[in-house]
């Protein structure tokens, strides 16, 4: 498994309410950024820290996005900003 033994990620991907989900993996220096997306209704943007990981979510074009990484909040938000420009 590309994500390694990450129980939090495995639980997230196997949730019973999960229809179809895509996971993209990016690297920044020695850090991994997991970007998850699936169809869903508009939702509020959210930001939280859990077990040393930054989690950021946002809606766009009928999709829900979640970025998860051990990067600091500023660097993860910079990645999200660049991703959303494309």
N, C-alpha and C. Protein backbone atom coordinates (compact mmCIF):
# COMPACT_ATOMS: atom_id res chain seq x y z
N UNK A 1 0.84 -1.18 0.00
CA UNK A 1 0.00 0.00 0.00
C UNK A 1 0.88 1.24 0.00
N UNK A 2 0.62 2.14 -0.90
CA UNK A 2 1.45 3.32 -1.04
C UNK A 2 1.40 4.22 0.18
N UNK A 3 0.27 4.25 0.89
CA UNK A 3 0.12 5.12 2.04
C UNK A 3 0.79 4.54 3.28
N UNK A 4 1.26 3.31 3.22
CA UNK A 4 1.91 2.69 4.37
C UNK A 4 0.88 2.28 5.40
N UNK A 5 1.34 1.97 6.58
CA UNK A 5 0.46 1.54 7.66
C UNK A 5 -0.06 2.76 8.40
N UNK A 6 -1.03 3.41 7.83
CA UNK A 6 -1.63 4.61 8.43
C UNK A 6 -3.08 4.27 8.76
N UNK A 7 -3.34 3.79 9.98
CA UNK A 7 -4.72 3.40 10.33
C UNK A 7 -5.73 4.53 10.13
N UNK A 8 -5.33 5.78 10.39
CA UNK A 8 -6.26 6.90 10.21
C UNK A 8 -6.69 7.02 8.75
N UNK A 9 -5.76 6.85 7.83
CA UNK A 9 -6.07 6.94 6.41
C UNK A 9 -6.89 5.74 5.97
N UNK A 10 -6.53 4.55 6.44
CA UNK A 10 -7.27 3.35 6.08
C UNK A 10 -8.72 3.43 6.57
N UNK A 11 -8.94 3.94 7.78
CA UNK A 11 -10.30 4.12 8.30
C UNK A 11 -11.07 5.12 7.44
N UNK A 12 -10.40 6.19 7.06
CA UNK A 12 -11.03 7.23 6.26
C UNK A 12 -11.49 6.67 4.91
N UNK A 13 -10.65 5.91 4.27
CA UNK A 13 -10.99 5.38 2.94
C UNK A 13 -12.03 4.27 2.99
N UNK A 14 -12.18 3.60 4.14
CA UNK A 14 -13.10 2.47 4.22
C UNK A 14 -14.40 2.82 4.93
N UNK A 15 -14.68 4.10 5.12
CA UNK A 15 -15.92 4.50 5.78
C UNK A 15 -17.11 3.99 4.98
N UNK A 16 -18.16 3.56 5.67
CA UNK A 16 -19.33 3.01 4.96
C UNK A 16 -20.05 4.03 4.09
N UNK A 17 -19.92 5.33 4.39
CA UNK A 17 -20.59 6.33 3.58
C UNK A 17 -19.79 6.71 2.34
N UNK A 18 -18.68 6.04 2.13
CA UNK A 18 -17.80 6.37 1.01
C UNK A 18 -18.32 5.73 -0.27
N UNK A 19 -18.71 6.54 -1.22
CA UNK A 19 -19.12 6.03 -2.52
C UNK A 19 -17.84 5.75 -3.31
N UNK A 20 -17.39 6.73 -4.04
CA UNK A 20 -16.16 6.61 -4.80
C UNK A 20 -15.21 7.68 -4.29
N UNK A 21 -14.01 7.29 -3.98
CA UNK A 21 -13.01 8.24 -3.51
C UNK A 21 -11.74 8.06 -4.32
N UNK A 22 -11.09 9.17 -4.54
CA UNK A 22 -9.79 9.14 -5.21
C UNK A 22 -8.75 9.65 -4.21
N UNK A 23 -7.58 9.06 -4.26
CA UNK A 23 -6.48 9.51 -3.40
C UNK A 23 -5.27 9.80 -4.27
N UNK A 24 -4.75 11.02 -4.13
CA UNK A 24 -3.55 11.43 -4.84
C UNK A 24 -2.48 11.67 -3.80
N UNK A 25 -1.26 11.31 -4.11
CA UNK A 25 -0.16 11.48 -3.17
C UNK A 25 0.89 12.38 -3.79
N UNK A 26 1.23 13.42 -3.05
CA UNK A 26 2.27 14.36 -3.47
C UNK A 26 3.38 14.35 -2.44
N UNK A 27 4.56 14.78 -2.83
CA UNK A 27 5.68 14.88 -1.91
C UNK A 27 6.19 16.31 -1.84
N UNK A 28 6.59 16.72 -0.66
CA UNK A 28 7.25 18.02 -0.47
C UNK A 28 8.40 17.76 0.48
N UNK A 29 9.60 17.89 -0.02
CA UNK A 29 10.80 17.53 0.72
C UNK A 29 10.63 16.10 1.25
N UNK A 30 10.68 15.90 2.55
CA UNK A 30 10.55 14.54 3.10
C UNK A 30 9.14 14.27 3.63
N UNK A 31 8.17 15.05 3.20
CA UNK A 31 6.80 14.93 3.68
C UNK A 31 5.88 14.45 2.57
N UNK A 32 4.85 13.73 2.95
CA UNK A 32 3.83 13.28 2.01
C UNK A 32 2.58 14.12 2.24
N UNK A 33 1.88 14.41 1.15
CA UNK A 33 0.59 15.07 1.21
C UNK A 33 -0.41 14.14 0.54
N UNK A 34 -1.41 13.70 1.30
CA UNK A 34 -2.47 12.86 0.76
C UNK A 34 -3.65 13.76 0.44
N UNK A 35 -4.10 13.71 -0.79
CA UNK A 35 -5.24 14.51 -1.22
C UNK A 35 -6.36 13.56 -1.61
N UNK A 36 -7.47 13.65 -0.89
CA UNK A 36 -8.64 12.80 -1.14
C UNK A 36 -9.74 13.64 -1.75
N UNK A 37 -10.52 13.04 -2.64
CA UNK A 37 -11.64 13.75 -3.24
C UNK A 37 -12.76 12.78 -3.58
N UNK A 38 -14.00 13.28 -3.50
CA UNK A 38 -15.17 12.48 -3.85
C UNK A 38 -16.33 13.45 -4.12
N UNK A 39 -17.34 12.97 -4.85
CA UNK A 39 -18.50 13.82 -5.11
C UNK A 39 -19.25 14.10 -3.82
N UNK A 40 -19.76 15.31 -3.69
CA UNK A 40 -20.54 15.62 -2.51
C UNK A 40 -21.13 17.01 -2.58
N UNK A 41 -22.09 17.26 -1.71
CA UNK A 41 -22.73 18.58 -1.69
C UNK A 41 -21.78 19.63 -1.14
N UNK A 42 -22.04 20.88 -1.44
CA UNK A 42 -21.18 21.94 -0.90
C UNK A 42 -21.09 21.85 0.62
N UNK A 43 -19.93 22.10 1.13
CA UNK A 43 -19.68 22.05 2.57
C UNK A 43 -18.75 23.20 2.93
N UNK A 44 -18.71 23.53 4.20
CA UNK A 44 -17.81 24.58 4.66
C UNK A 44 -16.37 24.09 4.61
N UNK A 45 -15.46 25.03 4.40
CA UNK A 45 -14.05 24.70 4.51
C UNK A 45 -13.76 24.38 5.97
N UNK A 46 -12.83 23.46 6.20
CA UNK A 46 -12.50 23.06 7.57
C UNK A 46 -11.00 22.90 7.70
N UNK A 47 -10.52 23.13 8.90
CA UNK A 47 -9.10 22.98 9.20
C UNK A 47 -8.98 22.42 10.61
N UNK A 48 -8.12 21.41 10.77
CA UNK A 48 -7.89 20.85 12.09
C UNK A 48 -6.55 20.15 12.15
N UNK A 49 -6.09 19.93 13.35
CA UNK A 49 -4.87 19.16 13.58
C UNK A 49 -5.27 17.94 14.39
N UNK A 50 -4.81 16.77 13.95
CA UNK A 50 -5.15 15.53 14.63
C UNK A 50 -3.94 14.60 14.62
N UNK A 51 -3.51 14.20 15.79
CA UNK A 51 -2.38 13.27 15.93
C UNK A 51 -1.15 13.73 15.16
N UNK A 52 -0.88 15.02 15.16
CA UNK A 52 0.30 15.55 14.48
C UNK A 52 0.13 15.79 12.99
N UNK A 53 -1.06 15.57 12.46
CA UNK A 53 -1.33 15.79 11.04
C UNK A 53 -2.23 17.01 10.86
N UNK A 54 -1.96 17.77 9.82
CA UNK A 54 -2.83 18.89 9.44
C UNK A 54 -3.87 18.34 8.48
N UNK A 55 -5.12 18.70 8.68
CA UNK A 55 -6.22 18.30 7.80
C UNK A 55 -6.93 19.55 7.33
N UNK A 56 -7.09 19.68 6.04
CA UNK A 56 -7.77 20.83 5.44
C UNK A 56 -8.79 20.31 4.44
N UNK A 57 -10.00 20.85 4.47
CA UNK A 57 -11.01 20.43 3.49
C UNK A 57 -11.65 21.65 2.85
N UNK A 58 -12.16 21.43 1.63
CA UNK A 58 -12.85 22.49 0.90
C UNK A 58 -13.70 21.85 -0.20
N UNK A 59 -14.79 22.53 -0.57
CA UNK A 59 -15.60 22.05 -1.70
C UNK A 59 -15.22 22.80 -2.98
N UNK A 60 -15.41 22.15 -4.11
CA UNK A 60 -15.18 22.79 -5.41
C UNK A 60 -15.82 21.96 -6.51
N UNK A 61 -16.62 22.60 -7.33
CA UNK A 61 -17.20 21.96 -8.52
C UNK A 61 -17.91 20.64 -8.23
N UNK A 62 -18.70 20.61 -7.16
CA UNK A 62 -19.45 19.40 -6.82
C UNK A 62 -18.63 18.31 -6.17
N UNK A 63 -17.42 18.64 -5.77
CA UNK A 63 -16.53 17.66 -5.14
C UNK A 63 -16.12 18.17 -3.76
N UNK A 64 -15.78 17.24 -2.88
CA UNK A 64 -15.22 17.54 -1.57
C UNK A 64 -13.75 17.14 -1.61
N UNK A 65 -12.88 17.98 -1.10
CA UNK A 65 -11.45 17.70 -1.07
C UNK A 65 -10.95 17.71 0.37
N UNK A 66 -10.06 16.77 0.69
CA UNK A 66 -9.37 16.74 1.98
C UNK A 66 -7.88 16.56 1.70
N UNK A 67 -7.07 17.45 2.27
CA UNK A 67 -5.62 17.32 2.20
C UNK A 67 -5.14 16.97 3.61
N UNK A 68 -4.28 15.96 3.70
CA UNK A 68 -3.78 15.48 4.99
C UNK A 68 -2.26 15.36 4.89
N UNK A 69 -1.54 15.95 5.86
CA UNK A 69 -0.09 15.88 5.83
C UNK A 69 0.49 16.21 7.20
N UNK A 70 1.75 15.83 7.37
CA UNK A 70 2.46 16.23 8.59
C UNK A 70 3.23 17.54 8.36
N UNK A 71 3.01 18.18 7.21
CA UNK A 71 3.57 19.52 6.99
C UNK A 71 2.96 20.49 8.00
N UNK A 72 3.60 21.62 8.22
CA UNK A 72 2.96 22.62 9.07
C UNK A 72 1.80 23.26 8.31
N UNK A 73 0.94 23.94 9.04
CA UNK A 73 -0.28 24.49 8.46
C UNK A 73 -0.01 25.45 7.30
N UNK A 74 0.98 26.32 7.44
CA UNK A 74 1.28 27.29 6.38
C UNK A 74 1.71 26.59 5.09
N UNK A 75 2.55 25.57 5.19
CA UNK A 75 3.01 24.88 3.98
C UNK A 75 1.89 24.09 3.33
N UNK A 76 1.04 23.47 4.14
CA UNK A 76 -0.08 22.73 3.56
C UNK A 76 -1.04 23.68 2.86
N UNK A 77 -1.30 24.83 3.46
CA UNK A 77 -2.17 25.81 2.81
C UNK A 77 -1.56 26.36 1.53
N UNK A 78 -0.25 26.48 1.49
CA UNK A 78 0.42 26.91 0.27
C UNK A 78 0.21 25.87 -0.83
N UNK A 79 0.37 24.59 -0.50
CA UNK A 79 0.11 23.51 -1.46
C UNK A 79 -1.32 23.58 -1.98
N UNK A 80 -2.27 23.75 -1.06
CA UNK A 80 -3.69 23.81 -1.45
C UNK A 80 -3.95 24.99 -2.38
N UNK A 81 -3.36 26.12 -2.07
CA UNK A 81 -3.52 27.29 -2.92
C UNK A 81 -3.01 27.01 -4.33
N UNK A 82 -1.85 26.40 -4.44
CA UNK A 82 -1.29 26.05 -5.76
C UNK A 82 -2.17 25.03 -6.47
N UNK A 83 -2.66 24.03 -5.73
CA UNK A 83 -3.51 23.00 -6.32
C UNK A 83 -4.80 23.62 -6.86
N UNK A 84 -5.38 24.53 -6.10
CA UNK A 84 -6.66 25.13 -6.50
C UNK A 84 -6.52 26.07 -7.69
N UNK A 85 -5.32 26.53 -7.99
CA UNK A 85 -5.11 27.40 -9.15
C UNK A 85 -5.23 26.63 -10.46
N UNK A 86 -5.05 25.32 -10.39
CA UNK A 86 -5.08 24.52 -11.62
C UNK A 86 -6.43 24.01 -11.93
